[in-house]
Amino acid sequence: MKTYEMTGSPKPYFTKKEDFTKAITDFGWEHSKMTKKDNKCQVLITDDITKSSSKMLLAKELGVEIMSYEEITELFGLND
C-alpha cells in the first residue's frame, strides 16, 4: 500500500479529484495528509511536476516522491 497527497487538477484524466481518488484506492493506495510534524505521505501527485507550490516544496523538503496524474493513470492503465 502507498499513501499519497494530491495537488493541482487531475484533468484531463479525471473530471474530479474524488473520481481519481476512487480509482487509485481500488489499487490499494490510500489518501494521507503530508505534514512536517508527522508525515505519512509517500507520494505527492500533481498536474505539473515543475510547480513550486507549497505542497511541492514540502514534498521536496521531506523527500516525498513526486509523480504526475499522467504517470499514475499510465501506471494503473486508467487511461484506456
PDB file of N, CA and C in Angstrom:
ATOM      1  N   MET A   1       0.839  -1.189   0.000  1.00  0.00           N
ATOM      2  CA  MET A   1       0.000   0.000   0.000  1.00  0.00           C
ATOM      3  C   MET A   1       0.877   1.243   0.000  1.00  0.00           C
ATOM      4  N   LYS A   2       0.492   2.213  -0.791  1.00  0.00           N
ATOM      5  CA  LYS A   2       1.157   3.511  -0.839  1.00  0.00           C
ATOM      6  C   LYS A   2       0.190   4.571  -0.324  1.00  0.00           C
ATOM      7  N   THR A   3       0.751   5.571   0.323  1.00  0.00           N
ATOM      8  CA  THR A   3      -0.053   6.709   0.756  1.00  0.00           C
ATOM      9  C   THR A   3       0.294   7.899  -0.124  1.00  0.00           C
ATOM     10  N   TYR A   4      -0.697   8.741  -0.385  1.00  0.00           N
ATOM     11  CA  TYR A   4      -0.489   9.845  -1.311  1.00  0.00           C
ATOM     12  C   TYR A   4      -1.246  11.098  -0.886  1.00  0.00           C
ATOM     13  N   GLU A   5      -0.770  12.220  -1.387  1.00  0.00           N
ATOM     14  CA  GLU A   5      -1.437  13.513  -1.285  1.00  0.00           C
ATOM     15  C   GLU A   5      -1.542  14.047  -2.706  1.00  0.00           C
ATOM     16  N   MET A   6      -2.485  14.955  -2.949  1.00  0.00           N
ATOM     17  CA  MET A   6      -2.684  15.490  -4.296  1.00  0.00           C
ATOM     18  C   MET A   6      -2.589  17.009  -4.293  1.00  0.00           C
ATOM     19  N   THR A   7      -2.142  17.548  -5.411  1.00  0.00           N
ATOM     20  CA  THR A   7      -2.154  18.988  -5.650  1.00  0.00           C
ATOM     21  C   THR A   7      -2.438  19.209  -7.130  1.00  0.00           C
ATOM     22  N   GLY A   8      -3.102  20.288  -7.442  1.00  0.00           N
ATOM     23  CA  GLY A   8      -3.451  20.545  -8.837  1.00  0.00           C
ATOM     24  C   GLY A   8      -4.665  19.743  -9.276  1.00  0.00           C
ATOM     25  N   SER A   9      -4.948  19.805 -10.551  1.00  0.00           N
ATOM     26  CA  SER A   9      -6.141  19.174 -11.121  1.00  0.00           C
ATOM     27  C   SER A   9      -5.808  17.866 -11.845  1.00  0.00           C
ATOM     28  N   PRO A  10      -6.666  16.854 -11.677  1.00  0.00           N
ATOM     29  CA  PRO A  10      -6.448  15.588 -12.390  1.00  0.00           C
ATOM     30  C   PRO A  10      -6.931  15.621 -13.844  1.00  0.00           C
ATOM     31  N   LYS A  11      -7.461  16.751 -14.297  1.00  0.00           N
ATOM     32  CA  LYS A  11      -7.923  16.854 -15.691  1.00  0.00           C
ATOM     33  C   LYS A  11      -6.725  16.819 -16.615  1.00  0.00           C
ATOM     34  N   PRO A  12      -6.803  16.244 -17.768  1.00  0.00           N
ATOM     35  CA  PRO A  12      -7.976  15.725 -18.463  1.00  0.00           C
ATOM     36  C   PRO A  12      -8.269  14.256 -18.164  1.00  0.00           C
ATOM     37  N   TYR A  13      -7.532  13.660 -17.259  1.00  0.00           N
ATOM     38  CA  TYR A  13      -7.691  12.224 -16.984  1.00  0.00           C
ATOM     39  C   TYR A  13      -8.951  11.926 -16.178  1.00  0.00           C
ATOM     40  N   PHE A  14      -9.271  12.792 -15.233  1.00  0.00           N
ATOM     41  CA  PHE A  14     -10.478  12.670 -14.416  1.00  0.00           C
ATOM     42  C   PHE A  14     -11.064  14.065 -14.245  1.00  0.00           C
ATOM     43  N   THR A  15     -12.384  14.162 -14.182  1.00  0.00           N
ATOM     44  CA  THR A  15     -13.004  15.479 -14.042  1.00  0.00           C
ATOM     45  C   THR A  15     -12.943  15.985 -12.601  1.00  0.00           C
ATOM     46  N   LYS A  16     -12.924  15.070 -11.629  1.00  0.00           N
ATOM     47  CA  LYS A  16     -12.882  15.480 -10.221  1.00  0.00           C
ATOM     48  C   LYS A  16     -11.834  14.666  -9.462  1.00  0.00           C
ATOM     49  N   LYS A  17     -11.263  15.284  -8.423  1.00  0.00           N
ATOM     50  CA  LYS A  17     -10.293  14.575  -7.585  1.00  0.00           C
ATOM     51  C   LYS A  17     -10.926  13.355  -6.927  1.00  0.00           C
ATOM     52  N   GLU A  18     -12.219  13.440  -6.602  1.00  0.00           N
ATOM     53  CA  GLU A  18     -12.916  12.321  -5.969  1.00  0.00           C
ATOM     54  C   GLU A  18     -12.911  11.090  -6.865  1.00  0.00           C
ATOM     55  N   ASP A  19     -13.094  11.289  -8.161  1.00  0.00           N
ATOM     56  CA  ASP A  19     -13.081  10.175  -9.113  1.00  0.00           C
ATOM     57  C   ASP A  19     -11.691   9.552  -9.199  1.00  0.00           C
ATOM     58  N   PHE A  20     -10.672  10.418  -9.210  1.00  0.00           N
ATOM     59  CA  PHE A  20      -9.293   9.937  -9.243  1.00  0.00           C
ATOM     60  C   PHE A  20      -8.987   9.142  -7.974  1.00  0.00           C
ATOM     61  N   THR A  21      -9.387   9.684  -6.826  1.00  0.00           N
ATOM     62  CA  THR A  21      -9.158   9.016  -5.536  1.00  0.00           C
ATOM     63  C   THR A  21      -9.790   7.628  -5.523  1.00  0.00           C
ATOM     64  N   LYS A  22     -11.027   7.539  -5.985  1.00  0.00           N
ATOM     65  CA  LYS A  22     -11.716   6.237  -6.018  1.00  0.00           C
ATOM     66  C   LYS A  22     -10.958   5.249  -6.901  1.00  0.00           C
ATOM     67  N   ALA A  23     -10.494   5.715  -8.048  1.00  0.00           N
ATOM     68  CA  ALA A  23      -9.806   4.833  -8.993  1.00  0.00           C
ATOM     69  C   ALA A  23      -8.522   4.263  -8.405  1.00  0.00           C
ATOM     70  N   ILE A  24      -7.705   5.081  -7.735  1.00  0.00           N
ATOM     71  CA  ILE A  24      -6.440   4.539  -7.237  1.00  0.00           C
ATOM     72  C   ILE A  24      -6.607   3.829  -5.892  1.00  0.00           C
ATOM     73  N   THR A  25      -7.699   4.127  -5.183  1.00  0.00           N
ATOM     74  CA  THR A  25      -7.991   3.383  -3.957  1.00  0.00           C
ATOM     75  C   THR A  25      -8.245   1.914  -4.293  1.00  0.00           C
ATOM     76  N   ASP A  26      -8.807   1.670  -5.457  1.00  0.00           N
ATOM     77  CA  ASP A  26      -9.054   0.300  -5.914  1.00  0.00           C
ATOM     78  C   ASP A  26      -7.749  -0.484  -6.101  1.00  0.00           C
ATOM     79  N   PHE A  27      -6.612   0.233  -6.211  1.00  0.00           N
ATOM     80  CA  PHE A  27      -5.304  -0.409  -6.350  1.00  0.00           C
ATOM     81  C   PHE A  27      -4.527  -0.422  -5.025  1.00  0.00           C
ATOM     82  N   GLY A  28      -5.224  -0.097  -3.922  1.00  0.00           N
ATOM     83  CA  GLY A  28      -4.599  -0.167  -2.607  1.00  0.00           C
ATOM     84  C   GLY A  28      -3.897   1.095  -2.156  1.00  0.00           C
ATOM     85  N   TRP A  29      -4.045   2.181  -2.893  1.00  0.00           N
ATOM     86  CA  TRP A  29      -3.436   3.443  -2.485  1.00  0.00           C
ATOM     87  C   TRP A  29      -4.396   4.170  -1.537  1.00  0.00           C
ATOM     88  N   GLU A  30      -3.848   4.840  -0.539  1.00  0.00           N
ATOM     89  CA  GLU A  30      -4.658   5.500   0.483  1.00  0.00           C
ATOM     90  C   GLU A  30      -4.265   6.970   0.599  1.00  0.00           C
ATOM     91  N   HIS A  31      -5.275   7.840   0.645  1.00  0.00           N
ATOM     92  CA  HIS A  31      -5.011   9.278   0.775  1.00  0.00           C
ATOM     93  C   HIS A  31      -4.494   9.579   2.178  1.00  0.00           C
ATOM     94  N   SER A  32      -3.486  10.444   2.243  1.00  0.00           N
ATOM     95  CA  SER A  32      -2.874  10.827   3.512  1.00  0.00           C
ATOM     96  C   SER A  32      -2.413  12.267   3.418  1.00  0.00           C
ATOM     97  N   LYS A  33      -2.507  12.995   4.504  1.00  0.00           N
ATOM     98  CA  LYS A  33      -2.017  14.373   4.524  1.00  0.00           C
ATOM     99  C   LYS A  33      -0.501  14.377   4.642  1.00  0.00           C
ATOM    100  N   MET A  34       0.115  15.335   4.000  1.00  0.00           N
ATOM    101  CA  MET A  34       1.560  15.491   4.070  1.00  0.00           C
ATOM    102  C   MET A  34       1.846  16.622   5.062  1.00  0.00           C
ATOM    103  N   THR A  35       2.550  16.291   6.142  1.00  0.00           N
ATOM    104  CA  THR A  35       2.854  17.294   7.157  1.00  0.00           C
ATOM    105  C   THR A  35       4.304  17.195   7.597  1.00  0.00           C
ATOM    106  N   LYS A  36       4.844  18.321   8.033  1.00  0.00           N
ATOM    107  CA  LYS A  36       6.217  18.328   8.544  1.00  0.00           C
ATOM    108  C   LYS A  36       6.326  17.532   9.830  1.00  0.00           C
ATOM    109  N   LYS A  37       5.321  17.659  10.698  1.00  0.00           N
ATOM    110  CA  LYS A  37       5.374  17.075  12.035  1.00  0.00           C
ATOM    111  C   LYS A  37       5.287  15.557  12.027  1.00  0.00           C
ATOM    112  N   ASP A  38       4.322  15.022  11.297  1.00  0.00           N
ATOM    113  CA  ASP A  38       4.077  13.576  11.327  1.00  0.00           C
ATOM    114  C   ASP A  38       3.703  13.093   9.928  1.00  0.00           C
ATOM    115  N   ASN A  39       4.666  13.140   9.009  1.00  0.00           N
ATOM    116  CA  ASN A  39       4.364  12.805   7.619  1.00  0.00           C
ATOM    117  C   ASN A  39       4.231  11.307   7.397  1.00  0.00           C
ATOM    118  N   LYS A  40       3.102  10.917   6.803  1.00  0.00           N
ATOM    119  CA  LYS A  40       2.877   9.528   6.427  1.00  0.00           C
ATOM    120  C   LYS A  40       2.712   9.390   4.915  1.00  0.00           C
ATOM    121  N   CYS A  41       2.831  10.511   4.215  1.00  0.00           N
ATOM    122  CA  CYS A  41       2.649  10.548   2.767  1.00  0.00           C
ATOM    123  C   CYS A  41       3.909  10.050   2.066  1.00  0.00           C
ATOM    124  N   GLN A  42       3.730   9.134   1.124  1.00  0.00           N
ATOM    125  CA  GLN A  42       4.851   8.588   0.362  1.00  0.00           C
ATOM    126  C   GLN A  42       4.984   9.196  -1.026  1.00  0.00           C
ATOM    127  N   VAL A  43       3.856   9.631  -1.604  1.00  0.00           N
ATOM    128  CA  VAL A  43       3.852  10.152  -2.973  1.00  0.00           C
ATOM    129  C   VAL A  43       2.967  11.394  -3.045  1.00  0.00           C
ATOM    130  N   LEU A  44       3.484  12.448  -3.663  1.00  0.00           N
ATOM    131  CA  LEU A  44       2.669  13.621  -3.978  1.00  0.00           C
ATOM    132  C   LEU A  44       2.327  13.525  -5.455  1.00  0.00           C
ATOM    133  N   ILE A  45       1.026  13.576  -5.764  1.00  0.00           N
ATOM    134  CA  ILE A  45       0.565  13.502  -7.148  1.00  0.00           C
ATOM    135  C   ILE A  45       0.164  14.906  -7.577  1.00  0.00           C
ATOM    136  N   THR A  46       0.700  15.351  -8.708  1.00  0.00           N
ATOM    137  CA  THR A  46       0.491  16.720  -9.164  1.00  0.00           C
ATOM    138  C   THR A  46       0.190  16.773 -10.657  1.00  0.00           C
ATOM    139  N   ASP A  47      -0.378  17.897 -11.076  1.00  0.00           N
ATOM    140  CA  ASP A  47      -0.633  18.067 -12.508  1.00  0.00           C
ATOM    141  C   ASP A  47       0.585  18.639 -13.225  1.00  0.00           C
ATOM    142  N   ASP A  48       1.546  19.187 -12.466  1.00  0.00           N
ATOM    143  CA  ASP A  48       2.726  19.792 -13.073  1.00  0.00           C
ATOM    144  C   ASP A  48       3.923  19.612 -12.135  1.00  0.00           C
ATOM    145  N   ILE A  49       4.838  18.744 -12.503  1.00  0.00           N
ATOM    146  CA  ILE A  49       5.964  18.446 -11.617  1.00  0.00           C
ATOM    147  C   ILE A  49       6.980  19.582 -11.539  1.00  0.00           C
ATOM    148  N   THR A  50       6.796  20.636 -12.346  1.00  0.00           N
ATOM    149  CA  THR A  50       7.705  21.784 -12.286  1.00  0.00           C
ATOM    150  C   THR A  50       7.171  22.913 -11.404  1.00  0.00           C
ATOM    151  N   LYS A  51       5.999  22.749 -10.824  1.00  0.00           N
ATOM    152  CA  LYS A  51       5.401  23.772  -9.964  1.00  0.00           C
ATOM    153  C   LYS A  51       6.251  24.019  -8.731  1.00  0.00           C
ATOM    154  N   SER A  52       6.032  25.164  -8.117  1.00  0.00           N
ATOM    155  CA  SER A  52       6.714  25.451  -6.853  1.00  0.00           C
ATOM    156  C   SER A  52       5.689  25.823  -5.784  1.00  0.00           C
ATOM    157  N   SER A  53       4.561  25.103  -5.771  1.00  0.00           N
ATOM    158  CA  SER A  53       3.521  25.330  -4.766  1.00  0.00           C
ATOM    159  C   SER A  53       4.031  24.904  -3.394  1.00  0.00           C
ATOM    160  N   SER A  54       3.326  25.282  -2.364  1.00  0.00           N
ATOM    161  CA  SER A  54       3.750  24.926  -1.003  1.00  0.00           C
ATOM    162  C   SER A  54       3.812  23.409  -0.812  1.00  0.00           C
ATOM    163  N   LYS A  55       2.879  22.678  -1.400  1.00  0.00           N
ATOM    164  CA  LYS A  55       2.904  21.213  -1.282  1.00  0.00           C
ATOM    165  C   LYS A  55       4.116  20.624  -2.008  1.00  0.00           C
ATOM    166  N   MET A  56       4.438  21.190  -3.164  1.00  0.00           N
ATOM    167  CA  MET A  56       5.602  20.700  -3.914  1.00  0.00           C
ATOM    168  C   MET A  56       6.886  20.965  -3.139  1.00  0.00           C
ATOM    169  N   LEU A  57       7.008  22.150  -2.574  1.00  0.00           N
ATOM    170  CA  LEU A  57       8.199  22.494  -1.798  1.00  0.00           C
ATOM    171  C   LEU A  57       8.330  21.612  -0.566  1.00  0.00           C
ATOM    172  N   LEU A  58       7.199  21.353   0.105  1.00  0.00           N
ATOM    173  CA  LEU A  58       7.211  20.487   1.286  1.00  0.00           C
ATOM    174  C   LEU A  58       7.602  19.062   0.902  1.00  0.00           C
ATOM    175  N   ALA A  59       7.065  18.569  -0.204  1.00  0.00           N
ATOM    176  CA  ALA A  59       7.395  17.215  -0.660  1.00  0.00           C
ATOM    177  C   ALA A  59       8.897  17.083  -0.903  1.00  0.00           C
ATOM    178  N   LYS A  60       9.474  18.079  -1.549  1.00  0.00           N
ATOM    179  CA  LYS A  60      10.914  18.056  -1.814  1.00  0.00           C
ATOM    180  C   LYS A  60      11.699  18.096  -0.504  1.00  0.00           C
ATOM    181  N   GLU A  61      11.258  18.926   0.427  1.00  0.00           N
ATOM    182  CA  GLU A  61      11.926  19.038   1.729  1.00  0.00           C
ATOM    183  C   GLU A  61      11.876  17.720   2.498  1.00  0.00           C
ATOM    184  N   LEU A  62      10.741  17.019   2.422  1.00  0.00           N
ATOM    185  CA  LEU A  62      10.563  15.771   3.167  1.00  0.00           C
ATOM    186  C   LEU A  62      11.058  14.536   2.412  1.00  0.00           C
ATOM    187  N   GLY A  63      11.456  14.703   1.158  1.00  0.00           N
ATOM    188  CA  GLY A  63      11.916  13.564   0.365  1.00  0.00           C
ATOM    189  C   GLY A  63      10.788  12.682  -0.126  1.00  0.00           C
ATOM    190  N   VAL A  64       9.604  13.268  -0.280  1.00  0.00           N
ATOM    191  CA  VAL A  64       8.433  12.534  -0.767  1.00  0.00           C
ATOM    192  C   VAL A  64       8.535  12.409  -2.288  1.00  0.00           C
ATOM    193  N   GLU A  65       8.266  11.228  -2.811  1.00  0.00           N
ATOM    194  CA  GLU A  65       8.276  11.006  -4.259  1.00  0.00           C
ATOM    195  C   GLU A  65       7.198  11.863  -4.917  1.00  0.00           C
ATOM    196  N   ILE A  66       7.508  12.457  -6.055  1.00  0.00           N
ATOM    197  CA  ILE A  66       6.557  13.297  -6.782  1.00  0.00           C
ATOM    198  C   ILE A  66       6.249  12.644  -8.128  1.00  0.00           C
ATOM    199  N   MET A  67       4.952  12.447  -8.385  1.00  0.00           N
ATOM    200  CA  MET A  67       4.507  11.850  -9.648  1.00  0.00           C
ATOM    201  C   MET A  67       3.375  12.699 -10.211  1.00  0.00           C
ATOM    202  N   SER A  68       3.198  12.641 -11.519  1.00  0.00           N
ATOM    203  CA  SER A  68       2.102  13.382 -12.158  1.00  0.00           C
ATOM    204  C   SER A  68       0.852  12.493 -12.241  1.00  0.00           C
ATOM    205  N   TYR A  69      -0.295  13.158 -12.419  1.00  0.00           N
ATOM    206  CA  TYR A  69      -1.535  12.409 -12.632  1.00  0.00           C
ATOM    207  C   TYR A  69      -1.387  11.520 -13.863  1.00  0.00           C
ATOM    208  N   GLU A  70      -0.699  12.024 -14.876  1.00  0.00           N
ATOM    209  CA  GLU A  70      -0.491  11.245 -16.096  1.00  0.00           C
ATOM    210  C   GLU A  70       0.291   9.964 -15.795  1.00  0.00           C
ATOM    211  N   GLU A  71       1.361  10.059 -15.001  1.00  0.00           N
ATOM    212  CA  GLU A  71       2.158   8.881 -14.650  1.00  0.00           C
ATOM    213  C   GLU A  71       1.323   7.850 -13.897  1.00  0.00           C
ATOM    214  N   ILE A  72       0.484   8.317 -12.991  1.00  0.00           N
ATOM    215  CA  ILE A  72      -0.358   7.401 -12.210  1.00  0.00           C
ATOM    216  C   ILE A  72      -1.390   6.724 -13.104  1.00  0.00           C
ATOM    217  N   THR A  73      -2.039   7.489 -13.996  1.00  0.00           N
ATOM    218  CA  THR A  73      -3.022   6.863 -14.871  1.00  0.00           C
ATOM    219  C   THR A  73      -2.388   5.833 -15.791  1.00  0.00           C
ATOM    220  N   GLU A  74      -1.165   6.095 -16.231  1.00  0.00           N
ATOM    221  CA  GLU A  74      -0.452   5.122 -17.064  1.00  0.00           C
ATOM    222  C   GLU A  74      -0.034   3.903 -16.237  1.00  0.00           C
ATOM    223  N   LEU A  75       0.437   4.130 -15.009  1.00  0.00           N
ATOM    224  CA  LEU A  75       0.861   3.048 -14.121  1.00  0.00           C
ATOM    225  C   LEU A  75      -0.249   2.022 -13.912  1.00  0.00           C
ATOM    226  N   PHE A  76      -1.467   2.520 -13.702  1.00  0.00           N
ATOM    227  CA  PHE A  76      -2.598   1.636 -13.426  1.00  0.00           C
ATOM    228  C   PHE A  76      -3.465   1.352 -14.647  1.00  0.00           C
ATOM    229  N   GLY A  77      -3.077   1.846 -15.814  1.00  0.00           N
ATOM    230  CA  GLY A  77      -3.878   1.606 -17.029  1.00  0.00           C
ATOM    231  C   GLY A  77      -5.226   2.258 -16.980  1.00  0.00           C
ATOM    232  N   LEU A  78      -5.304   3.431 -16.347  1.00  0.00           N
ATOM    233  CA  LEU A  78      -6.593   4.113 -16.200  1.00  0.00           C
ATOM    234  C   LEU A  78      -6.938   5.000 -17.380  1.00  0.00           C
ATOM    235  N   ASN A  79      -6.025   5.131 -18.323  1.00  0.00           N
ATOM    236  CA  ASN A  79      -6.278   5.973 -19.484  1.00  0.00           C
ATOM    237  C   ASN A  79      -6.745   5.196 -20.695  1.00  0.00           C
ATOM    238  N   ASP A  80      -7.105   3.954 -20.494  1.00  0.00           N
ATOM    239  CA  ASP A  80      -7.554   3.114 -21.618  1.00  0.00           C
ATOM    240  C   ASP A  80      -8.983   3.422 -21.990  1.00  0.00           C
TER     241      ASP A  80
END
